[in-house]
Amino acid sequence: MPLKKVSFTDAREELSALIDEVRDSGRPIAITRHGKPVAVLMNMEALEQKLAVQEQRPWMLRGSGTWQGAAEEIESAIQSIRQQTQATSADRIKKITRDLAGK
């Protein structure tokens, strides 16, 4: 279902009714200026759910791996992945060295 759009002027005049509509239907309403969406009026529960999901989204750490968790914990995740990568690299170097020595 497409997002309902309301002009800023109309939204200002009908704000109470729009809030009731969003609360009752659970569907967000886009507020427009000059025909372009500039804001969204949405149910508080829906916003809290979106924010909670966003905090737990998977992060792609360049060149190493993925991590899922809160943004505040990313430094420790980066450190952990670096340690894993260094250990893996050291194992690869040892294997290559053994392979070359055996040839």
PDB file of N, CA and C in Angstrom:
ATOM      1  N   MET A   1       0.850  -1.184   0.000  1.00  0.00           N
ATOM      2  CA  MET A   1       0.000   0.000   0.000  1.00  0.00           C
ATOM      3  C   MET A   1       0.892   1.242   0.000  1.00  0.00           C
ATOM      4  N   PRO A   2       0.636   2.177  -0.897  1.00  0.00           N
ATOM      5  CA  PRO A   2       1.476   3.374  -0.973  1.00  0.00           C
ATOM      6  C   PRO A   2       1.303   4.255   0.267  1.00  0.00           C
ATOM      7  N   LEU A   3       2.346   4.983   0.572  1.00  0.00           N
ATOM      8  CA  LEU A   3       2.360   5.890   1.716  1.00  0.00           C
ATOM      9  C   LEU A   3       1.443   7.074   1.455  1.00  0.00           C
ATOM     10  N   LYS A   4       0.579   7.362   2.412  1.00  0.00           N
ATOM     11  CA  LYS A   4      -0.306   8.519   2.286  1.00  0.00           C
ATOM     12  C   LYS A   4       0.537   9.780   2.402  1.00  0.00           C
ATOM     13  N   LYS A   5       0.276  10.763   1.534  1.00  0.00           N
ATOM     14  CA  LYS A   5       1.027  12.005   1.542  1.00  0.00           C
ATOM     15  C   LYS A   5       0.091  13.166   1.870  1.00  0.00           C
ATOM     16  N   VAL A   6       0.564  14.055   2.734  1.00  0.00           N
ATOM     17  CA  VAL A   6      -0.215  15.222   3.146  1.00  0.00           C
ATOM     18  C   VAL A   6       0.707  16.435   3.074  1.00  0.00           C
ATOM     19  N   SER A   7       0.209  17.530   2.516  1.00  0.00           N
ATOM     20  CA  SER A   7       1.029  18.741   2.443  1.00  0.00           C
ATOM     21  C   SER A   7       1.273  19.294   3.845  1.00  0.00           C
ATOM     22  N   PHE A   8       2.338  20.027   4.006  1.00  0.00           N
ATOM     23  CA  PHE A   8       2.687  20.619   5.294  1.00  0.00           C
ATOM     24  C   PHE A   8       1.553  21.501   5.813  1.00  0.00           C
ATOM     25  N   THR A   9       0.986  22.296   4.938  1.00  0.00           N
ATOM     26  CA  THR A   9      -0.113  23.187   5.328  1.00  0.00           C
ATOM     27  C   THR A   9      -1.299  22.393   5.851  1.00  0.00           C
ATOM     28  N   ASP A  10      -1.691  21.351   5.107  1.00  0.00           N
ATOM     29  CA  ASP A  10      -2.808  20.508   5.553  1.00  0.00           C
ATOM     30  C   ASP A  10      -2.465  19.766   6.844  1.00  0.00           C
ATOM     31  N   ALA A  11      -1.243  19.297   6.959  1.00  0.00           N
ATOM     32  CA  ALA A  11      -0.831  18.579   8.164  1.00  0.00           C
ATOM     33  C   ALA A  11      -0.899  19.488   9.383  1.00  0.00           C
ATOM     34  N   ARG A  12      -0.486  20.715   9.229  1.00  0.00           N
ATOM     35  CA  ARG A  12      -0.526  21.669  10.336  1.00  0.00           C
ATOM     36  C   ARG A  12      -1.972  21.893  10.786  1.00  0.00           C
ATOM     37  N   GLU A  13      -2.885  21.985   9.840  1.00  0.00           N
ATOM     38  CA  GLU A  13      -4.290  22.228  10.159  1.00  0.00           C
ATOM     39  C   GLU A  13      -4.984  20.985  10.719  1.00  0.00           C
ATOM     40  N   GLU A  14      -4.519  19.788  10.317  1.00  0.00           N
ATOM     41  CA  GLU A  14      -5.193  18.539  10.681  1.00  0.00           C
ATOM     42  C   GLU A  14      -4.328  17.648  11.567  1.00  0.00           C
ATOM     43  N   LEU A  15      -3.366  18.207  12.277  1.00  0.00           N
ATOM     44  CA  LEU A  15      -2.392  17.389  13.002  1.00  0.00           C
ATOM     45  C   LEU A  15      -3.044  16.418  13.980  1.00  0.00           C
ATOM     46  N   SER A  16      -3.995  16.866  14.749  1.00  0.00           N
ATOM     47  CA  SER A  16      -4.643  15.990  15.726  1.00  0.00           C
ATOM     48  C   SER A  16      -5.298  14.789  15.042  1.00  0.00           C
ATOM     49  N   ALA A  17      -6.008  15.030  13.960  1.00  0.00           N
ATOM     50  CA  ALA A  17      -6.671  13.948  13.226  1.00  0.00           C
ATOM     51  C   ALA A  17      -5.643  13.005  12.597  1.00  0.00           C
ATOM     52  N   LEU A  18      -4.541  13.563  12.089  1.00  0.00           N
ATOM     53  CA  LEU A  18      -3.497  12.719  11.487  1.00  0.00           C
ATOM     54  C   LEU A  18      -2.839  11.828  12.537  1.00  0.00           C
ATOM     55  N   ILE A  19      -2.607  12.388  13.725  1.00  0.00           N
ATOM     56  CA  ILE A  19      -2.013  11.589  14.806  1.00  0.00           C
ATOM     57  C   ILE A  19      -2.950  10.440  15.165  1.00  0.00           C
ATOM     58  N   ASP A  20      -4.229  10.726  15.269  1.00  0.00           N
ATOM     59  CA  ASP A  20      -5.205   9.660  15.558  1.00  0.00           C
ATOM     60  C   ASP A  20      -5.196   8.600  14.467  1.00  0.00           C
ATOM     61  N   GLU A  21      -5.122   9.034  13.211  1.00  0.00           N
ATOM     62  CA  GLU A  21      -5.104   8.089  12.086  1.00  0.00           C
ATOM     63  C   GLU A  21      -3.886   7.173  12.142  1.00  0.00           C
ATOM     64  N   VAL A  22      -2.719   7.754  12.417  1.00  0.00           N
ATOM     65  CA  VAL A  22      -1.489   6.960  12.500  1.00  0.00           C
ATOM     66  C   VAL A  22      -1.568   5.988  13.671  1.00  0.00           C
ATOM     67  N   ARG A  23      -2.070   6.471  14.801  1.00  0.00           N
ATOM     68  CA  ARG A  23      -2.192   5.613  15.989  1.00  0.00           C
ATOM     69  C   ARG A  23      -3.137   4.447  15.710  1.00  0.00           C
ATOM     70  N   ASP A  24      -4.261   4.731  15.099  1.00  0.00           N
ATOM     71  CA  ASP A  24      -5.277   3.696  14.870  1.00  0.00           C
ATOM     72  C   ASP A  24      -4.905   2.730  13.744  1.00  0.00           C
ATOM     73  N   SER A  25      -4.361   3.243  12.666  1.00  0.00           N
ATOM     74  CA  SER A  25      -4.065   2.391  11.502  1.00  0.00           C
ATOM     75  C   SER A  25      -2.672   1.761  11.568  1.00  0.00           C
ATOM     76  N   GLY A  26      -1.748   2.427  12.259  1.00  0.00           N
ATOM     77  CA  GLY A  26      -0.367   1.935  12.302  1.00  0.00           C
ATOM     78  C   GLY A  26       0.428   2.278  11.054  1.00  0.00           C
ATOM     79  N   ARG A  27      -0.210   2.926  10.075  1.00  0.00           N
ATOM     80  CA  ARG A  27       0.479   3.281   8.827  1.00  0.00           C
ATOM     81  C   ARG A  27       1.046   4.692   8.919  1.00  0.00           C
ATOM     82  N   PRO A  28       2.281   4.888   8.504  1.00  0.00           N
ATOM     83  CA  PRO A  28       2.882   6.226   8.542  1.00  0.00           C
ATOM     84  C   PRO A  28       2.285   7.146   7.469  1.00  0.00           C
ATOM     85  N   ILE A  29       2.444   8.444   7.680  1.00  0.00           N
ATOM     86  CA  ILE A  29       1.978   9.456   6.730  1.00  0.00           C
ATOM     87  C   ILE A  29       3.157  10.355   6.391  1.00  0.00           C
ATOM     88  N   ALA A  30       3.392  10.566   5.098  1.00  0.00           N
ATOM     89  CA  ALA A  30       4.474  11.451   4.652  1.00  0.00           C
ATOM     90  C   ALA A  30       3.957  12.887   4.631  1.00  0.00           C
ATOM     91  N   ILE A  31       4.772  13.797   5.164  1.00  0.00           N
ATOM     92  CA  ILE A  31       4.464  15.222   5.119  1.00  0.00           C
ATOM     93  C   ILE A  31       5.296  15.810   3.978  1.00  0.00           C
ATOM     94  N   THR A  32       4.645  16.554   3.084  1.00  0.00           N
ATOM     95  CA  THR A  32       5.348  17.080   1.912  1.00  0.00           C
ATOM     96  C   THR A  32       5.422  18.602   1.945  1.00  0.00           C
ATOM     97  N   ARG A  33       6.439  19.112   1.286  1.00  0.00           N
ATOM     98  CA  ARG A  33       6.579  20.540   1.003  1.00  0.00           C
ATOM     99  C   ARG A  33       6.877  20.662  -0.472  1.00  0.00           C
ATOM    100  N   HIS A  34       6.100  21.453  -1.140  1.00  0.00           N
ATOM    101  CA  HIS A  34       6.251  21.635  -2.583  1.00  0.00           C
ATOM    102  C   HIS A  34       6.221  20.286  -3.309  1.00  0.00           C
ATOM    103  N   GLY A  35       5.393  19.369  -2.796  1.00  0.00           N
ATOM    104  CA  GLY A  35       5.200  18.077  -3.439  1.00  0.00           C
ATOM    105  C   GLY A  35       6.255  17.033  -3.138  1.00  0.00           C
ATOM    106  N   LYS A  36       7.283  17.380  -2.350  1.00  0.00           N
ATOM    107  CA  LYS A  36       8.355  16.426  -2.035  1.00  0.00           C
ATOM    108  C   LYS A  36       8.281  16.038  -0.560  1.00  0.00           C
ATOM    109  N   PRO A  37       8.411  14.726  -0.259  1.00  0.00           N
ATOM    110  CA  PRO A  37       8.364  14.280   1.134  1.00  0.00           C
ATOM    111  C   PRO A  37       9.537  14.863   1.933  1.00  0.00           C
ATOM    112  N   VAL A  38       9.227  15.428   3.103  1.00  0.00           N
ATOM    113  CA  VAL A  38      10.276  16.006   3.955  1.00  0.00           C
ATOM    114  C   VAL A  38      10.252  15.442   5.370  1.00  0.00           C
ATOM    115  N   ALA A  39       9.150  14.784   5.760  1.00  0.00           N
ATOM    116  CA  ALA A  39       9.042  14.220   7.107  1.00  0.00           C
ATOM    117  C   ALA A  39       8.016  13.097   7.086  1.00  0.00           C
ATOM    118  N   VAL A  40       8.038  12.311   8.159  1.00  0.00           N
ATOM    119  CA  VAL A  40       7.083  11.210   8.275  1.00  0.00           C
ATOM    120  C   VAL A  40       6.471  11.238   9.667  1.00  0.00           C
ATOM    121  N   LEU A  41       5.178  11.091   9.717  1.00  0.00           N
ATOM    122  CA  LEU A  41       4.451  10.956  10.974  1.00  0.00           C
ATOM    123  C   LEU A  41       4.174   9.468  11.131  1.00  0.00           C
ATOM    124  N   MET A  42       4.727   8.872  12.206  1.00  0.00           N
ATOM    125  CA  MET A  42       4.558   7.432  12.361  1.00  0.00           C
ATOM    126  C   MET A  42       4.308   7.052  13.806  1.00  0.00           C
ATOM    127  N   ASN A  43       3.774   5.862  13.989  1.00  0.00           N
ATOM    128  CA  ASN A  43       3.471   5.293  15.281  1.00  0.00           C
ATOM    129  C   ASN A  43       4.764   5.134  16.082  1.00  0.00           C
ATOM    130  N   MET A  44       4.738   5.490  17.359  1.00  0.00           N
ATOM    131  CA  MET A  44       5.935   5.413  18.195  1.00  0.00           C
ATOM    132  C   MET A  44       6.459   3.983  18.326  1.00  0.00           C
ATOM    133  N   GLU A  45       5.559   3.014  18.454  1.00  0.00           N
ATOM    134  CA  GLU A  45       5.990   1.620  18.562  1.00  0.00           C
ATOM    135  C   GLU A  45       6.743   1.178  17.311  1.00  0.00           C
ATOM    136  N   ALA A  46       6.259   1.599  16.141  1.00  0.00           N
ATOM    137  CA  ALA A  46       6.930   1.245  14.887  1.00  0.00           C
ATOM    138  C   ALA A  46       8.314   1.865  14.831  1.00  0.00           C
ATOM    139  N   LEU A  47       8.442   3.098  15.294  1.00  0.00           N
ATOM    140  CA  LEU A  47       9.747   3.756  15.310  1.00  0.00           C
ATOM    141  C   LEU A  47      10.700   3.024  16.242  1.00  0.00           C
ATOM    142  N   GLU A  48      10.235   2.684  17.436  1.00  0.00           N
ATOM    143  CA  GLU A  48      11.091   1.975  18.389  1.00  0.00           C
ATOM    144  C   GLU A  48      11.547   0.630  17.836  1.00  0.00           C
ATOM    145  N   GLN A  49      10.649  -0.075  17.127  1.00  0.00           N
ATOM    146  CA  GLN A  49      11.020  -1.352  16.517  1.00  0.00           C
ATOM    147  C   GLN A  49      12.082  -1.154  15.445  1.00  0.00           C
ATOM    148  N   LYS A  50      11.921  -0.123  14.609  1.00  0.00           N
ATOM    149  CA  LYS A  50      12.901   0.146  13.550  1.00  0.00           C
ATOM    150  C   LYS A  50      14.257   0.486  14.154  1.00  0.00           C
ATOM    151  N   LEU A  51      14.276   1.279  15.212  1.00  0.00           N
ATOM    152  CA  LEU A  51      15.532   1.646  15.849  1.00  0.00           C
ATOM    153  C   LEU A  51      16.196   0.437  16.489  1.00  0.00           C
ATOM    154  N   ALA A  52      15.419  -0.439  17.109  1.00  0.00           N
ATOM    155  CA  ALA A  52      15.979  -1.641  17.724  1.00  0.00           C
ATOM    156  C   ALA A  52      16.588  -2.553  16.676  1.00  0.00           C
ATOM    157  N   VAL A  53      15.906  -2.720  15.547  1.00  0.00           N
ATOM    158  CA  VAL A  53      16.430  -3.552  14.461  1.00  0.00           C
ATOM    159  C   VAL A  53      17.706  -2.938  13.909  1.00  0.00           C
ATOM    160  N   GLN A  54      17.719  -1.620  13.764  1.00  0.00           N
ATOM    161  CA  GLN A  54      18.886  -0.944  13.216  1.00  0.00           C
ATOM    162  C   GLN A  54      20.099  -1.125  14.130  1.00  0.00           C
ATOM    163  N   GLU A  55      19.899  -1.115  15.446  1.00  0.00           N
ATOM    164  CA  GLU A  55      21.004  -1.298  16.375  1.00  0.00           C
ATOM    165  C   GLU A  55      21.611  -2.682  16.264  1.00  0.00           C
ATOM    166  N   GLN A  56      20.845  -3.672  15.825  1.00  0.00           N
ATOM    167  CA  GLN A  56      21.327  -5.039  15.728  1.00  0.00           C
ATOM    168  C   GLN A  56      21.594  -5.476  14.292  1.00  0.00           C
ATOM    169  N   ARG A  57      21.721  -4.527  13.387  1.00  0.00           N
ATOM    170  CA  ARG A  57      21.948  -4.888  11.993  1.00  0.00           C
ATOM    171  C   ARG A  57      23.365  -5.431  11.804  1.00  0.00           C
ATOM    172  N   PRO A  58      23.549  -6.289  10.813  1.00  0.00           N
ATOM    173  CA  PRO A  58      24.893  -6.806  10.560  1.00  0.00           C
ATOM    174  C   PRO A  58      25.781  -5.728   9.936  1.00  0.00           C
ATOM    175  N   TRP A  59      26.999  -5.670  10.364  1.00  0.00           N
ATOM    176  CA  TRP A  59      27.976  -4.718   9.832  1.00  0.00           C
ATOM    177  C   TRP A  59      28.963  -5.492   8.976  1.00  0.00           C
ATOM    178  N   MET A  60      29.342  -4.930   7.851  1.00  0.00           N
ATOM    179  CA  MET A  60      30.356  -5.545   7.013  1.00  0.00           C
ATOM    180  C   MET A  60      31.646  -4.798   7.270  1.00  0.00           C
ATOM    181  N   LEU A  61      32.603  -5.488   7.821  1.00  0.00           N
ATOM    182  CA  LEU A  61      33.893  -4.880   8.121  1.00  0.00           C
ATOM    183  C   LEU A  61      34.814  -5.159   6.948  1.00  0.00           C
ATOM    184  N   ARG A  62      35.269  -4.114   6.308  1.00  0.00           N
ATOM    185  CA  ARG A  62      36.007  -4.201   5.049  1.00  0.00           C
ATOM    186  C   ARG A  62      37.135  -5.220   5.108  1.00  0.00           C
ATOM    187  N   GLY A  63      37.064  -6.165   4.188  1.00  0.00           N
ATOM    188  CA  GLY A  63      38.153  -7.110   3.993  1.00  0.00           C
ATOM    189  C   GLY A  63      38.267  -8.196   5.033  1.00  0.00           C
ATOM    190  N   SER A  64      37.321  -8.306   5.963  1.00  0.00           N
ATOM    191  CA  SER A  64      37.546  -9.291   7.002  1.00  0.00           C
ATOM    192  C   SER A  64      36.322 -10.113   7.378  1.00  0.00           C
ATOM    193  N   GLY A  65      35.220  -9.508   7.627  1.00  0.00           N
ATOM    194  CA  GLY A  65      34.081 -10.311   8.045  1.00  0.00           C
ATOM    195  C   GLY A  65      32.882  -9.457   8.370  1.00  0.00           C
ATOM    196  N   THR A  66      31.893 -10.108   8.926  1.00  0.00           N
ATOM    197  CA  THR A  66      30.679  -9.391   9.316  1.00  0.00           C
ATOM    198  C   THR A  66      30.525  -9.457  10.820  1.00  0.00           C
ATOM    199  N   TRP A  67      29.760  -8.523  11.337  1.00  0.00           N
ATOM    200  CA  TRP A  67      29.504  -8.463  12.765  1.00  0.00           C
ATOM    201  C   TRP A  67      28.115  -7.907  12.978  1.00  0.00           C
ATOM    202  N   GLN A  68      27.405  -8.433  13.963  1.00  0.00           N
ATOM    203  CA  GLN A  68      26.063  -7.947  14.251  1.00  0.00           C
ATOM    204  C   GLN A  68      26.007  -7.533  15.711  1.00  0.00           C
ATOM    205  N   GLY A  69      25.565  -6.322  15.949  1.00  0.00           N
ATOM    206  CA  GLY A  69      25.447  -5.829  17.309  1.00  0.00           C
ATOM    207  C   GLY A  69      25.295  -4.328  17.324  1.00  0.00           C
ATOM    208  N   ALA A  70      25.365  -3.766  18.502  1.00  0.00           N
ATOM    209  CA  ALA A  70      25.206  -2.325  18.669  1.00  0.00           C
ATOM    210  C   ALA A  70      26.426  -1.592  18.138  1.00  0.00           C
ATOM    211  N   ALA A  71      26.205  -0.404  17.618  1.00  0.00           N
ATOM    212  CA  ALA A  71      27.286   0.394  17.036  1.00  0.00           C
ATOM    213  C   ALA A  71      28.378   0.699  18.069  1.00  0.00           C
ATOM    214  N   GLU A  72      27.983   0.824  19.335  1.00  0.00           N
ATOM    215  CA  GLU A  72      28.955   1.157  20.372  1.00  0.00           C
ATOM    216  C   GLU A  72      29.986   0.047  20.580  1.00  0.00           C
ATOM    217  N   GLU A  73      29.659  -1.163  20.171  1.00  0.00           N
ATOM    218  CA  GLU A  73      30.547  -2.307  20.393  1.00  0.00           C
ATOM    219  C   GLU A  73      31.436  -2.617  19.187  1.00  0.00           C
ATOM    220  N   ILE A  74      31.419  -1.766  18.196  1.00  0.00           N
ATOM    221  CA  ILE A  74      32.124  -2.089  16.956  1.00  0.00           C
ATOM    222  C   ILE A  74      33.648  -2.131  17.131  1.00  0.00           C
ATOM    223  N   GLU A  75      34.182  -1.288  18.005  1.00  0.00           N
ATOM    224  CA  GLU A  75      35.642  -1.297  18.205  1.00  0.00           C
ATOM    225  C   GLU A  75      36.130  -2.660  18.699  1.00  0.00           C
ATOM    226  N   SER A  76      35.429  -3.243  19.666  1.00  0.00           N
ATOM    227  CA  SER A  76      35.846  -4.552  20.166  1.00  0.00           C
ATOM    228  C   SER A  76      35.673  -5.629  19.093  1.00  0.00           C
ATOM    229  N   ALA A  77      34.644  -5.495  18.259  1.00  0.00           N
ATOM    230  CA  ALA A  77      34.443  -6.452  17.172  1.00  0.00           C
ATOM    231  C   ALA A  77      35.564  -6.359  16.151  1.00  0.00           C
ATOM    232  N   ILE A  78      35.971  -5.143  15.823  1.00  0.00           N
ATOM    233  CA  ILE A  78      37.071  -4.952  14.873  1.00  0.00           C
ATOM    234  C   ILE A  78      38.340  -5.584  15.430  1.00  0.00           C
ATOM    235  N   GLN A  79      38.608  -5.349  16.694  1.00  0.00           N
ATOM    236  CA  GLN A  79      39.812  -5.913  17.322  1.00  0.00           C
ATOM    237  C   GLN A  79      39.781  -7.443  17.275  1.00  0.00           C
ATOM    238  N   SER A  80      38.627  -8.027  17.567  1.00  0.00           N
ATOM    239  CA  SER A  80      38.494  -9.481  17.548  1.00  0.00           C
ATOM    240  C   SER A  80      38.711 -10.036  16.145  1.00  0.00           C
ATOM    241  N   ILE A  81      38.125  -9.411  15.152  1.00  0.00           N
ATOM    242  CA  ILE A  81      38.286  -9.886  13.770  1.00  0.00           C
ATOM    243  C   ILE A  81      39.726  -9.717  13.308  1.00  0.00           C
ATOM    244  N   ARG A  82      40.380  -8.632  13.712  1.00  0.00           N
ATOM    245  CA  ARG A  82      41.806  -8.456  13.371  1.00  0.00           C
ATOM    246  C   ARG A  82      42.645  -9.586  13.941  1.00  0.00           C
ATOM    247  N   GLN A  83      42.368  -9.969  15.184  1.00  0.00           N
ATOM    248  CA  GLN A  83      43.118 -11.062  15.799  1.00  0.00           C
ATOM    249  C   GLN A  83      42.879 -12.373  15.050  1.00  0.00           C
ATOM    250  N   GLN A  84      41.631 -12.619  14.660  1.00  0.00           N
ATOM    251  CA  GLN A  84      41.319 -13.832  13.901  1.00  0.00           C
ATOM    252  C   GLN A  84      42.031 -13.821  12.555  1.00  0.00           C
ATOM    253  N   THR A  85      42.036 -12.666  11.894  1.00  0.00           N
ATOM    254  CA  THR A  85      42.677 -12.539  10.587  1.00  0.00           C
ATOM    255  C   THR A  85      44.184 -12.742  10.701  1.00  0.00           C
ATOM    256  N   GLN A  86      44.788 -12.159  11.738  1.00  0.00           N
ATOM    257  CA  GLN A  86      46.235 -12.320  11.928  1.00  0.00           C
ATOM    258  C   GLN A  86      46.591 -13.782  12.186  1.00  0.00           C
ATOM    259  N   ALA A  87      45.787 -14.462  12.987  1.00  0.00           N
ATOM    260  CA  ALA A  87      46.045 -15.879  13.262  1.00  0.00           C
ATOM    261  C   ALA A  87      45.902 -16.704  11.986  1.00  0.00           C
ATOM    262  N   THR A  88      44.876 -16.421  11.200  1.00  0.00           N
ATOM    263  CA  THR A  88      44.665 -17.131   9.939  1.00  0.00           C
ATOM    264  C   THR A  88      45.814 -16.859   8.976  1.00  0.00           C
ATOM    265  N   SER A  89      46.260 -15.605   8.907  1.00  0.00           N
ATOM    266  CA  SER A  89      47.371 -15.253   8.021  1.00  0.00           C
ATOM    267  C   SER A  89      48.646 -15.961   8.451  1.00  0.00           C
ATOM    268  N   ALA A  90      48.897 -16.018   9.744  1.00  0.00           N
ATOM    269  CA  ALA A  90      50.090 -16.700  10.247  1.00  0.00           C
ATOM    270  C   ALA A  90      50.040 -18.179   9.889  1.00  0.00           C
ATOM    271  N   ASP A  91      48.876 -18.803  10.014  1.00  0.00           N
ATOM    272  CA  ASP A  91      48.728 -20.216   9.646  1.00  0.00           C
ATOM    273  C   ASP A  91      48.976 -20.415   8.149  1.00  0.00           C
ATOM    274  N   ARG A  92      48.490 -19.505   7.330  1.00  0.00           N
ATOM    275  CA  ARG A  92      48.706 -19.600   5.875  1.00  0.00           C
ATOM    276  C   ARG A  92      50.189 -19.482   5.538  1.00  0.00           C
ATOM    277  N   ILE A  93      50.857 -18.558   6.187  1.00  0.00           N
ATOM    278  CA  ILE A  93      52.294 -18.369   5.925  1.00  0.00           C
ATOM    279  C   ILE A  93      53.062 -19.629   6.312  1.00  0.00           C
ATOM    280  N   LYS A  94      52.730 -20.216   7.460  1.00  0.00           N
ATOM    281  CA  LYS A  94      53.397 -21.453   7.886  1.00  0.00           C
ATOM    282  C   LYS A  94      53.170 -22.571   6.871  1.00  0.00           C
ATOM    283  N   LYS A  95      51.929 -22.700   6.389  1.00  0.00           N
ATOM    284  CA  LYS A  95      51.614 -23.745   5.413  1.00  0.00           C
ATOM    285  C   LYS A  95      52.379 -23.521   4.104  1.00  0.00           C
ATOM    286  N   ILE A  96      52.411 -22.299   3.630  1.00  0.00           N
ATOM    287  CA  ILE A  96      53.133 -21.984   2.388  1.00  0.00           C
ATOM    288  C   ILE A  96      54.610 -22.274   2.556  1.00  0.00           C
ATOM    289  N   THR A  97      55.159 -21.895   3.715  1.00  0.00           N
ATOM    290  CA  THR A  97      56.580 -22.141   3.988  1.00  0.00           C
ATOM    291  C   THR A  97      56.870 -23.643   3.998  1.00  0.00           C
ATOM    292  N   ARG A  98      56.017 -24.420   4.628  1.00  0.00           N
ATOM    293  CA  ARG A  98      56.192 -25.884   4.654  1.00  0.00           C
ATOM    294  C   ARG A  98      56.104 -26.463   3.243  1.00  0.00           C
ATOM    295  N   ASP A  99      55.100 -25.971   2.467  1.00  0.00           N
ATOM    296  CA  ASP A  99      54.922 -26.456   1.096  1.00  0.00           C
ATOM    297  C   ASP A  99      56.153 -26.153   0.243  1.00  0.00           C
ATOM    298  N   LEU A 100      56.678 -24.945   0.399  1.00  0.00           N
ATOM    299  CA  LEU A 100      57.846 -24.562  -0.393  1.00  0.00           C
ATOM    300  C   LEU A 100      59.075 -25.346   0.027  1.00  0.00           C
ATOM    301  N   ALA A 101      59.219 -25.589   1.314  1.00  0.00           N
ATOM    302  CA  ALA A 101      60.378 -26.355   1.808  1.00  0.00           C
ATOM    303  C   ALA A 101      60.306 -27.815   1.353  1.00  0.00           C
ATOM    304  N   GLY A 102      59.098 -28.343   1.210  1.00  0.00           N
ATOM    305  CA  GLY A 102      58.915 -29.735   0.782  1.00  0.00           C
ATOM    306  C   GLY A 102      59.151 -29.935  -0.699  1.00  0.00           C
ATOM    307  N   LYS A 103      59.152 -28.884  -1.484  1.00  0.00           N
ATOM    308  CA  LYS A 103      59.301 -29.014  -2.925  1.00  0.00           C
ATOM    309  C   LYS A 103      60.731 -29.021  -3.331  1.00  0.00           C
TER     310      LYS A 103
END
